[in-house]
Amino acid sequence: MFERFTGEARRVVVLAQEIARTRRAGRIGTEHLLLGVLRTPGTPGEELLAAAGIDARTVIEELDRADGAPGRDADALAILGIDLDAVRSAVEAGFGPGALDRPRRRGWRAGHIPFERSSKKALELALREAIRLGDRSIGTEHVLLGLLHPDTAASQLLDRCGTTLYGTRRAVERRRPRRAG
């Protein structure tokens, strides 16, 4: 199937793996693929998201909120009288600068990160969307459409931002050149 991906769509998959690794995820999720689309500027998928007012910062903020963002943890600890900056300073005094920023060995992968089942399904659905549109290759717009199918982290996040599968399908179809009948 990957032989049908455009160079930009392949780049999305590579970026998704890098993003998952950076976020220390054990698997590549649909949210990582979504960030991959957003980090391929000038592509149809990224342009559709930009037109809907969705950017990488918005998605990262949503993911951080869902994961329990560090800022919210600091606020909660401050209520209990714990100064997170003071704790960080004490740890760094004992273990060296950046001690809390070093990757943890357990559960963190330096090599290949597998795809979640939902991510594999989203990529299969991208192929189906390309076929439905009569396209020979799978582009970033098809990956976006695959991510918008229900019950994935990406589709739920995009739904909260007001982006739907059907609305995006219409937008993709409007962007296409008219075929001579």
N, C-alpha and C. Protein backbone atom coordinates (compact mmCIF):
# COMPACT_ATOMS: atom_id res chain seq x y z
N MET A 1 0.83 -1.19 0.00
CA MET A 1 0.00 0.00 0.00
C MET A 1 0.87 1.25 0.00
N PHE A 2 2.01 1.24 0.72
CA PHE A 2 2.82 2.46 0.84
C PHE A 2 3.40 2.91 -0.49
N GLU A 3 3.48 2.00 -1.46
CA GLU A 3 3.99 2.41 -2.76
C GLU A 3 3.04 3.39 -3.46
N ARG A 4 1.79 3.43 -3.01
CA ARG A 4 0.81 4.36 -3.60
C ARG A 4 0.81 5.72 -2.90
N PHE A 5 1.55 5.86 -1.80
CA PHE A 5 1.62 7.12 -1.08
C PHE A 5 2.48 8.11 -1.85
N THR A 6 2.06 9.37 -1.89
CA THR A 6 2.90 10.42 -2.46
C THR A 6 4.07 10.63 -1.50
N GLY A 7 5.09 11.33 -1.97
CA GLY A 7 6.23 11.64 -1.11
C GLY A 7 5.80 12.39 0.15
N GLU A 8 4.84 13.31 -0.02
CA GLU A 8 4.37 14.08 1.14
C GLU A 8 3.63 13.20 2.13
N ALA A 9 2.83 12.26 1.64
CA ALA A 9 2.10 11.36 2.54
C ALA A 9 3.08 10.43 3.27
N ARG A 10 4.12 10.01 2.58
CA ARG A 10 5.15 9.20 3.25
C ARG A 10 5.84 10.02 4.33
N ARG A 11 6.06 11.30 4.03
CA ARG A 11 6.68 12.20 5.01
C ARG A 11 5.81 12.29 6.27
N VAL A 12 4.48 12.30 6.08
CA VAL A 12 3.55 12.34 7.23
C VAL A 12 3.80 11.15 8.14
N VAL A 13 3.97 9.97 7.55
CA VAL A 13 4.18 8.75 8.34
C VAL A 13 5.52 8.81 9.08
N VAL A 14 6.56 9.29 8.41
CA VAL A 14 7.87 9.44 9.05
C VAL A 14 7.79 10.44 10.20
N LEU A 15 7.13 11.56 9.95
CA LEU A 15 6.97 12.57 11.01
C LEU A 15 6.16 12.01 12.18
N ALA A 16 5.14 11.22 11.89
CA ALA A 16 4.32 10.63 12.96
C ALA A 16 5.18 9.77 13.87
N GLN A 17 6.11 9.01 13.28
CA GLN A 17 7.00 8.18 14.09
C GLN A 17 7.90 9.07 14.95
N GLU A 18 8.44 10.13 14.37
CA GLU A 18 9.30 11.04 15.12
C GLU A 18 8.53 11.71 16.26
N ILE A 19 7.30 12.11 15.97
CA ILE A 19 6.46 12.77 16.98
C ILE A 19 6.13 11.81 18.11
N ALA A 20 5.79 10.58 17.77
CA ALA A 20 5.49 9.57 18.79
C ALA A 20 6.72 9.35 19.68
N ARG A 21 7.88 9.29 19.05
CA ARG A 21 9.12 9.09 19.82
C ARG A 21 9.36 10.29 20.74
N THR A 22 9.18 11.50 20.22
CA THR A 22 9.39 12.71 21.02
C THR A 22 8.44 12.76 22.20
N ARG A 23 7.20 12.33 21.98
CA ARG A 23 6.19 12.35 23.05
C ARG A 23 6.29 11.10 23.92
N ARG A 24 7.28 10.24 23.62
CA ARG A 24 7.54 9.01 24.37
C ARG A 24 6.32 8.08 24.40
N ALA A 25 5.67 8.00 23.25
CA ALA A 25 4.52 7.10 23.11
C ALA A 25 5.04 5.72 22.73
N GLY A 26 4.36 4.70 23.18
CA GLY A 26 4.76 3.33 22.87
C GLY A 26 4.31 2.89 21.48
N ARG A 27 3.35 3.61 20.91
CA ARG A 27 2.82 3.29 19.59
C ARG A 27 2.51 4.58 18.84
N ILE A 28 2.47 4.48 17.52
CA ILE A 28 2.11 5.63 16.68
C ILE A 28 0.59 5.68 16.60
N GLY A 29 0.02 6.73 17.18
CA GLY A 29 -1.43 6.90 17.20
C GLY A 29 -1.91 7.81 16.08
N THR A 30 -3.21 7.87 15.93
CA THR A 30 -3.79 8.74 14.90
C THR A 30 -3.47 10.20 15.18
N GLU A 31 -3.32 10.54 16.46
CA GLU A 31 -2.97 11.92 16.80
C GLU A 31 -1.58 12.28 16.29
N HIS A 32 -0.68 11.31 16.23
CA HIS A 32 0.67 11.54 15.71
C HIS A 32 0.62 11.71 14.19
N LEU A 33 -0.23 10.92 13.53
CA LEU A 33 -0.41 11.10 12.09
C LEU A 33 -1.00 12.47 11.78
N LEU A 34 -1.96 12.91 12.61
CA LEU A 34 -2.56 14.22 12.42
C LEU A 34 -1.49 15.31 12.53
N LEU A 35 -0.64 15.22 13.54
CA LEU A 35 0.45 16.20 13.67
C LEU A 35 1.40 16.11 12.48
N GLY A 36 1.61 14.91 11.96
CA GLY A 36 2.43 14.75 10.76
C GLY A 36 1.84 15.50 9.57
N VAL A 37 0.53 15.42 9.40
CA VAL A 37 -0.14 16.17 8.32
C VAL A 37 0.07 17.66 8.54
N LEU A 38 -0.10 18.11 9.77
CA LEU A 38 0.05 19.53 10.08
C LEU A 38 1.48 20.02 9.90
N ARG A 39 2.43 19.13 9.99
CA ARG A 39 3.84 19.53 9.86
C ARG A 39 4.39 19.29 8.46
N THR A 40 3.50 19.16 7.49
CA THR A 40 3.90 19.09 6.08
C THR A 40 3.27 20.29 5.37
N PRO A 41 3.84 21.48 5.57
CA PRO A 41 3.24 22.71 5.04
C PRO A 41 3.13 22.71 3.53
N GLY A 42 2.07 23.36 3.06
CA GLY A 42 1.85 23.50 1.63
C GLY A 42 1.22 22.29 0.97
N THR A 43 0.88 21.28 1.75
CA THR A 43 0.24 20.10 1.18
C THR A 43 -1.28 20.24 1.31
N PRO A 44 -2.04 19.51 0.50
CA PRO A 44 -3.50 19.64 0.58
C PRO A 44 -4.07 19.35 1.97
N GLY A 45 -3.57 18.34 2.65
CA GLY A 45 -4.08 18.02 3.98
C GLY A 45 -3.84 19.14 4.97
N GLU A 46 -2.63 19.68 4.96
CA GLU A 46 -2.30 20.79 5.87
C GLU A 46 -3.11 22.02 5.53
N GLU A 47 -3.28 22.30 4.24
CA GLU A 47 -4.05 23.48 3.83
C GLU A 47 -5.52 23.35 4.23
N LEU A 48 -6.09 22.16 4.13
CA LEU A 48 -7.47 21.95 4.56
C LEU A 48 -7.62 22.20 6.06
N LEU A 49 -6.66 21.73 6.83
CA LEU A 49 -6.70 21.95 8.28
C LEU A 49 -6.51 23.43 8.61
N ALA A 50 -5.59 24.08 7.91
CA ALA A 50 -5.36 25.52 8.14
C ALA A 50 -6.62 26.31 7.82
N ALA A 51 -7.30 25.95 6.73
CA ALA A 51 -8.54 26.64 6.36
C ALA A 51 -9.61 26.46 7.42
N ALA A 52 -9.54 25.34 8.15
CA ALA A 52 -10.50 25.07 9.23
C ALA A 52 -10.03 25.70 10.56
N GLY A 53 -8.88 26.39 10.52
CA GLY A 53 -8.38 27.04 11.72
C GLY A 53 -7.64 26.12 12.67
N ILE A 54 -7.15 24.99 12.16
CA ILE A 54 -6.46 24.02 13.01
C ILE A 54 -4.97 24.04 12.66
N ASP A 55 -4.15 24.21 13.68
CA ASP A 55 -2.71 24.18 13.49
C ASP A 55 -2.08 23.22 14.50
N ALA A 56 -0.79 23.00 14.34
CA ALA A 56 -0.10 22.04 15.21
C ALA A 56 -0.20 22.45 16.68
N ARG A 57 -0.09 23.75 16.96
CA ARG A 57 -0.15 24.21 18.35
C ARG A 57 -1.49 23.84 18.98
N THR A 58 -2.57 24.02 18.24
CA THR A 58 -3.91 23.68 18.74
C THR A 58 -3.99 22.20 19.09
N VAL A 59 -3.48 21.36 18.20
CA VAL A 59 -3.53 19.91 18.41
C VAL A 59 -2.65 19.52 19.60
N ILE A 60 -1.47 20.09 19.70
CA ILE A 60 -0.57 19.77 20.82
C ILE A 60 -1.21 20.19 22.14
N GLU A 61 -1.85 21.35 22.17
CA GLU A 61 -2.53 21.79 23.39
C GLU A 61 -3.64 20.83 23.78
N GLU A 62 -4.40 20.36 22.78
CA GLU A 62 -5.46 19.38 23.05
C GLU A 62 -4.87 18.08 23.59
N LEU A 63 -3.78 17.63 22.99
CA LEU A 63 -3.14 16.39 23.45
C LEU A 63 -2.59 16.55 24.85
N ASP A 64 -1.96 17.69 25.12
CA ASP A 64 -1.42 17.94 26.46
C ASP A 64 -2.55 17.97 27.49
N ARG A 65 -3.67 18.57 27.12
CA ARG A 65 -4.82 18.60 28.03
C ARG A 65 -5.30 17.19 28.31
N ALA A 66 -5.37 16.38 27.28
CA ALA A 66 -5.83 14.99 27.46
C ALA A 66 -4.83 14.16 28.26
N ASP A 67 -3.54 14.45 28.08
CA ASP A 67 -2.49 13.70 28.79
C ASP A 67 -2.24 14.21 30.20
N GLY A 68 -2.85 15.33 30.56
CA GLY A 68 -2.55 15.96 31.85
C GLY A 68 -1.32 16.82 31.72
N ALA A 69 -1.51 17.97 31.13
CA ALA A 69 -0.39 18.85 30.79
C ALA A 69 0.44 19.21 32.01
N PRO A 70 1.75 19.37 31.80
CA PRO A 70 2.63 19.72 32.91
C PRO A 70 2.21 21.00 33.62
N GLY A 71 1.74 21.98 32.90
CA GLY A 71 1.32 23.24 33.50
C GLY A 71 0.19 23.04 34.49
N ARG A 72 -0.74 22.17 34.16
CA ARG A 72 -1.86 21.88 35.06
C ARG A 72 -1.37 21.14 36.29
N ASP A 73 -0.38 20.27 36.13
CA ASP A 73 0.20 19.57 37.28
C ASP A 73 0.85 20.57 38.22
N ALA A 74 1.59 21.54 37.65
CA ALA A 74 2.26 22.54 38.47
C ALA A 74 1.24 23.35 39.26
N ASP A 75 0.12 23.71 38.62
CA ASP A 75 -0.92 24.46 39.31
C ASP A 75 -1.52 23.65 40.45
N ALA A 76 -1.76 22.37 40.20
CA ALA A 76 -2.34 21.51 41.23
C ALA A 76 -1.39 21.36 42.41
N LEU A 77 -0.09 21.20 42.12
CA LEU A 77 0.90 21.07 43.20
C LEU A 77 1.04 22.37 43.98
N ALA A 78 0.93 23.51 43.30
CA ALA A 78 1.03 24.82 43.98
C ALA A 78 -0.08 24.98 45.00
N ILE A 79 -1.25 24.47 44.68
CA ILE A 79 -2.38 24.52 45.63
C ILE A 79 -2.03 23.77 46.91
N LEU A 80 -1.23 22.72 46.77
CA LEU A 80 -0.82 21.93 47.94
C LEU A 80 0.42 22.50 48.62
N GLY A 81 0.92 23.62 48.08
CA GLY A 81 2.09 24.25 48.68
C GLY A 81 3.41 23.69 48.19
N ILE A 82 3.40 22.99 47.06
CA ILE A 82 4.62 22.41 46.50
C ILE A 82 5.04 23.26 45.30
N ASP A 83 6.25 23.77 45.35
CA ASP A 83 6.79 24.59 44.26
C ASP A 83 7.57 23.67 43.32
N LEU A 84 7.02 23.43 42.13
CA LEU A 84 7.63 22.51 41.18
C LEU A 84 9.02 22.98 40.76
N ASP A 85 9.21 24.30 40.63
CA ASP A 85 10.53 24.82 40.26
C ASP A 85 11.56 24.53 41.36
N ALA A 86 11.14 24.61 42.61
CA ALA A 86 12.05 24.31 43.73
C ALA A 86 12.42 22.83 43.73
N VAL A 87 11.45 21.97 43.43
CA VAL A 87 11.72 20.53 43.36
C VAL A 87 12.71 20.25 42.23
N ARG A 88 12.48 20.87 41.06
CA ARG A 88 13.38 20.68 39.92
C ARG A 88 14.80 21.13 40.29
N SER A 89 14.92 22.27 40.95
CA SER A 89 16.25 22.78 41.35
C SER A 89 16.95 21.81 42.30
N ALA A 90 16.20 21.28 43.24
CA ALA A 90 16.79 20.34 44.21
C ALA A 90 17.26 19.06 43.51
N VAL A 91 16.46 18.55 42.57
CA VAL A 91 16.85 17.33 41.84
C VAL A 91 18.09 17.60 41.01
N GLU A 92 18.11 18.75 40.31
CA GLU A 92 19.27 19.06 39.48
C GLU A 92 20.52 19.31 40.31
N ALA A 93 20.35 19.84 41.53
CA ALA A 93 21.51 20.03 42.42
C ALA A 93 22.12 18.69 42.80
N GLY A 94 21.28 17.68 42.98
CA GLY A 94 21.78 16.36 43.37
C GLY A 94 22.20 15.48 42.20
N PHE A 95 21.53 15.62 41.07
CA PHE A 95 21.78 14.70 39.95
C PHE A 95 22.32 15.37 38.69
N GLY A 96 22.47 16.67 38.72
CA GLY A 96 23.02 17.38 37.57
C GLY A 96 21.94 18.07 36.75
N PRO A 97 22.35 19.09 35.98
CA PRO A 97 21.41 19.84 35.16
C PRO A 97 20.71 18.94 34.15
N GLY A 98 19.42 19.16 33.99
CA GLY A 98 18.63 18.40 33.01
C GLY A 98 18.30 16.99 33.43
N ALA A 99 18.51 16.65 34.70
CA ALA A 99 18.29 15.28 35.16
C ALA A 99 16.86 14.82 34.91
N LEU A 100 15.91 15.71 35.03
CA LEU A 100 14.51 15.34 34.82
C LEU A 100 14.13 15.28 33.34
N ASP A 101 15.02 15.79 32.48
CA ASP A 101 14.72 15.83 31.05
C ASP A 101 15.29 14.63 30.30
N ARG A 102 16.10 13.83 30.93
CA ARG A 102 16.70 12.68 30.27
C ARG A 102 15.65 11.62 29.97
N PRO A 103 15.76 10.95 28.82
CA PRO A 103 14.77 9.91 28.52
C PRO A 103 14.84 8.77 29.51
N ARG A 104 13.69 8.28 29.88
CA ARG A 104 13.63 7.11 30.75
C ARG A 104 13.85 5.87 29.91
N ARG A 105 14.57 4.95 30.43
CA ARG A 105 14.90 3.72 29.68
C ARG A 105 13.67 2.82 29.53
N ARG A 106 12.92 2.67 30.58
CA ARG A 106 11.81 1.73 30.57
C ARG A 106 10.68 2.26 29.69
N GLY A 107 10.26 1.47 28.71
CA GLY A 107 9.12 1.82 27.88
C GLY A 107 9.45 2.78 26.74
N TRP A 108 10.66 3.30 26.67
CA TRP A 108 11.01 4.24 25.62
C TRP A 108 11.80 3.50 24.57
N ARG A 109 11.42 3.70 23.31
CA ARG A 109 12.06 2.97 22.21
C ARG A 109 12.89 3.91 21.37
N ALA A 110 14.10 3.51 21.08
CA ALA A 110 14.95 4.31 20.21
C ALA A 110 14.73 3.91 18.75
N GLY A 111 14.28 2.69 18.50
CA GLY A 111 14.13 2.20 17.14
C GLY A 111 12.70 2.31 16.63
N HIS A 112 12.26 1.25 16.01
CA HIS A 112 10.94 1.20 15.40
C HIS A 112 9.83 1.30 16.45
N ILE A 113 8.83 2.10 16.14
CA ILE A 113 7.66 2.21 17.00
C ILE A 113 6.48 1.66 16.20
N PRO A 114 5.75 0.69 16.72
CA PRO A 114 4.64 0.12 15.95
C PRO A 114 3.44 1.06 15.88
N PHE A 115 2.60 0.83 14.90
CA PHE A 115 1.36 1.60 14.74
C PHE A 115 0.27 1.01 15.63
N GLU A 116 -0.56 1.88 16.18
CA GLU A 116 -1.77 1.42 16.84
C GLU A 116 -2.68 0.84 15.76
N ARG A 117 -3.56 -0.02 16.17
CA ARG A 117 -4.52 -0.61 15.23
C ARG A 117 -5.34 0.49 14.54
N SER A 118 -5.74 1.52 15.30
CA SER A 118 -6.55 2.60 14.72
C SER A 118 -5.76 3.38 13.68
N SER A 119 -4.45 3.50 13.85
CA SER A 119 -3.62 4.20 12.86
C SER A 119 -3.52 3.40 11.57
N LYS A 120 -3.34 2.08 11.72
CA LYS A 120 -3.32 1.22 10.54
C LYS A 120 -4.63 1.33 9.78
N LYS A 121 -5.73 1.31 10.53
CA LYS A 121 -7.06 1.42 9.92
C LYS A 121 -7.22 2.76 9.21
N ALA A 122 -6.74 3.84 9.83
CA ALA A 122 -6.84 5.17 9.21
C ALA A 122 -6.08 5.21 7.89
N LEU A 123 -4.92 4.56 7.83
CA LEU A 123 -4.15 4.53 6.58
C LEU A 123 -4.85 3.67 5.53
N GLU A 124 -5.49 2.59 5.95
CA GLU A 124 -6.29 1.78 5.01
C GLU A 124 -7.47 2.61 4.48
N LEU A 125 -8.10 3.37 5.37
CA LEU A 125 -9.23 4.21 4.98
C LEU A 125 -8.77 5.34 4.05
N ALA A 126 -7.53 5.79 4.20
CA ALA A 126 -6.97 6.79 3.28
C ALA A 126 -6.93 6.22 1.87
N LEU A 127 -6.54 4.95 1.75
CA LEU A 127 -6.55 4.27 0.45
C LEU A 127 -7.96 4.21 -0.11
N ARG A 128 -8.92 3.85 0.71
CA ARG A 128 -10.32 3.79 0.26
C ARG A 128 -10.83 5.15 -0.18
N GLU A 129 -10.44 6.20 0.54
CA GLU A 129 -10.86 7.56 0.16
C GLU A 129 -10.26 7.94 -1.19
N ALA A 130 -9.00 7.58 -1.42
CA ALA A 130 -8.36 7.88 -2.71
C ALA A 130 -9.09 7.14 -3.84
N ILE A 131 -9.42 5.89 -3.60
CA ILE A 131 -10.15 5.10 -4.61
C ILE A 131 -11.52 5.70 -4.87
N ARG A 132 -12.22 6.10 -3.80
CA ARG A 132 -13.55 6.71 -3.93
C ARG A 132 -13.49 7.97 -4.79
N LEU A 133 -12.40 8.71 -4.66
CA LEU A 133 -12.24 9.94 -5.43
C LEU A 133 -11.66 9.70 -6.82
N GLY A 134 -11.27 8.46 -7.10
CA GLY A 134 -10.70 8.13 -8.40
C GLY A 134 -9.24 8.53 -8.55
N ASP A 135 -8.54 8.66 -7.42
CA ASP A 135 -7.13 9.04 -7.46
C ASP A 135 -6.24 7.80 -7.48
N ARG A 136 -5.13 7.90 -8.18
CA ARG A 136 -4.20 6.78 -8.28
C ARG A 136 -3.22 6.72 -7.13
N SER A 137 -3.03 7.84 -6.45
CA SER A 137 -2.08 7.86 -5.34
C SER A 137 -2.78 8.41 -4.09
N ILE A 138 -2.14 8.15 -2.96
CA ILE A 138 -2.67 8.57 -1.66
C ILE A 138 -1.87 9.79 -1.21
N GLY A 139 -2.57 10.92 -1.07
CA GLY A 139 -1.93 12.16 -0.66
C GLY A 139 -2.29 12.50 0.78
N THR A 140 -1.80 13.64 1.23
CA THR A 140 -2.06 14.06 2.60
C THR A 140 -3.54 14.32 2.84
N GLU A 141 -4.27 14.73 1.80
CA GLU A 141 -5.71 14.94 1.96
C GLU A 141 -6.44 13.63 2.22
N HIS A 142 -5.96 12.55 1.60
CA HIS A 142 -6.56 11.23 1.83
C HIS A 142 -6.23 10.73 3.24
N VAL A 143 -4.99 10.99 3.69
CA VAL A 143 -4.62 10.61 5.05
C VAL A 143 -5.52 11.35 6.04
N LEU A 144 -5.73 12.65 5.80
CA LEU A 144 -6.63 13.42 6.67
C LEU A 144 -8.02 12.82 6.68
N LEU A 145 -8.54 12.47 5.51
CA LEU A 145 -9.88 11.85 5.46
C LEU A 145 -9.90 10.54 6.22
N GLY A 146 -8.85 9.74 6.10
CA GLY A 146 -8.76 8.48 6.86
C GLY A 146 -8.76 8.71 8.36
N LEU A 147 -8.12 9.80 8.78
CA LEU A 147 -8.07 10.13 10.22
C LEU A 147 -9.40 10.60 10.76
N LEU A 148 -10.26 11.09 9.88
CA LEU A 148 -11.54 11.65 10.31
C LEU A 148 -12.63 10.61 10.51
N HIS A 149 -12.36 9.36 10.15
CA HIS A 149 -13.36 8.32 10.39
C HIS A 149 -13.54 8.16 11.90
N PRO A 150 -14.75 7.82 12.33
CA PRO A 150 -15.08 7.82 13.77
C PRO A 150 -14.19 6.91 14.63
N ASP A 151 -14.18 7.27 15.90
CA ASP A 151 -13.58 6.46 16.97
C ASP A 151 -12.06 6.41 16.97
N THR A 152 -11.42 7.47 16.52
CA THR A 152 -9.97 7.57 16.69
C THR A 152 -9.69 8.83 17.51
N ALA A 153 -8.52 8.87 18.11
CA ALA A 153 -8.13 10.05 18.89
C ALA A 153 -8.13 11.29 18.00
N ALA A 154 -7.66 11.14 16.76
CA ALA A 154 -7.61 12.28 15.84
C ALA A 154 -9.01 12.75 15.47
N SER A 155 -9.92 11.82 15.19
CA SER A 155 -11.27 12.24 14.79
C SER A 155 -11.99 12.93 15.94
N GLN A 156 -11.78 12.46 17.15
CA GLN A 156 -12.42 13.08 18.31
C GLN A 156 -11.86 14.49 18.54
N LEU A 157 -10.56 14.63 18.40
CA LEU A 157 -9.92 15.93 18.56
C LEU A 157 -10.41 16.90 17.47
N LEU A 158 -10.44 16.43 16.23
CA LEU A 158 -10.89 17.29 15.12
C LEU A 158 -12.36 17.63 15.26
N ASP A 159 -13.15 16.69 15.75
CA ASP A 159 -14.57 16.95 15.97
C ASP A 159 -14.76 18.06 17.00
N ARG A 160 -13.96 18.04 18.06
CA ARG A 160 -14.03 19.12 19.06
C ARG A 160 -13.67 20.47 18.45
N CYS A 161 -12.84 20.44 17.40
CA CYS A 161 -12.44 21.68 16.71
C CYS A 161 -13.42 22.04 15.59
N GLY A 162 -14.48 21.23 15.42
CA GLY A 162 -15.50 21.53 14.41
C GLY A 162 -15.22 20.99 13.02
N THR A 163 -14.28 20.07 12.90
CA THR A 163 -13.94 19.49 11.59
C THR A 163 -14.51 18.09 11.51
N THR A 164 -15.30 17.84 10.47
CA THR A 164 -15.96 16.54 10.31
C THR A 164 -15.51 15.85 9.03
N LEU A 165 -15.74 14.56 8.97
CA LEU A 165 -15.42 13.78 7.77
C LEU A 165 -16.18 14.31 6.56
N TYR A 166 -17.48 14.52 6.72
CA TYR A 166 -18.30 14.92 5.58
C TYR A 166 -17.96 16.32 5.10
N GLY A 167 -17.72 17.24 6.02
CA GLY A 167 -17.33 18.59 5.63
C GLY A 167 -15.98 18.61 4.93
N THR A 168 -15.05 17.79 5.41
CA THR A 168 -13.72 17.73 4.81
C THR A 168 -13.79 17.05 3.45
N ARG A 169 -14.62 16.02 3.32
CA ARG A 169 -14.80 15.39 2.01
C ARG A 169 -15.28 16.43 0.99
N ARG A 170 -16.26 17.23 1.38
CA ARG A 170 -16.77 18.27 0.47
C ARG A 170 -15.65 19.26 0.11
N ALA A 171 -14.85 19.63 1.09
CA ALA A 171 -13.75 20.57 0.83
C ALA A 171 -12.72 19.96 -0.13
N VAL A 172 -12.41 18.68 0.04
CA VAL A 172 -11.47 17.99 -0.85
C VAL A 172 -12.05 17.98 -2.26
N GLU A 173 -13.32 17.65 -2.40
CA GLU A 173 -13.95 17.60 -3.72
C GLU A 173 -13.99 18.97 -4.38
N ARG A 174 -14.20 20.03 -3.60
CA ARG A 174 -14.22 21.39 -4.17
C ARG A 174 -12.85 21.80 -4.69
N ARG A 175 -11.80 21.30 -4.08
CA ARG A 175 -10.42 21.65 -4.48
C ARG A 175 -9.98 20.94 -5.75
N ARG A 176 -10.69 19.92 -6.12
CA ARG A 176 -10.29 19.10 -7.26
C ARG A 176 -10.65 19.78 -8.58
N PRO A 177 -9.80 19.62 -9.59
CA PRO A 177 -10.15 20.18 -10.89
C PRO A 177 -11.35 19.42 -11.48
N ARG A 178 -12.18 20.15 -12.17
CA ARG A 178 -13.35 19.52 -12.83
C ARG A 178 -12.87 18.62 -13.95
N ARG A 179 -13.48 17.45 -14.03
CA ARG A 179 -13.14 16.51 -15.11
C ARG A 179 -14.10 16.72 -16.27
N ALA A 180 -13.55 16.61 -17.46
CA ALA A 180 -14.40 16.74 -18.65
C ALA A 180 -15.32 15.54 -18.74
N GLY A 181 -16.58 15.79 -18.99
CA GLY A 181 -17.54 14.69 -19.01
C GLY A 181 -17.76 14.25 -20.35
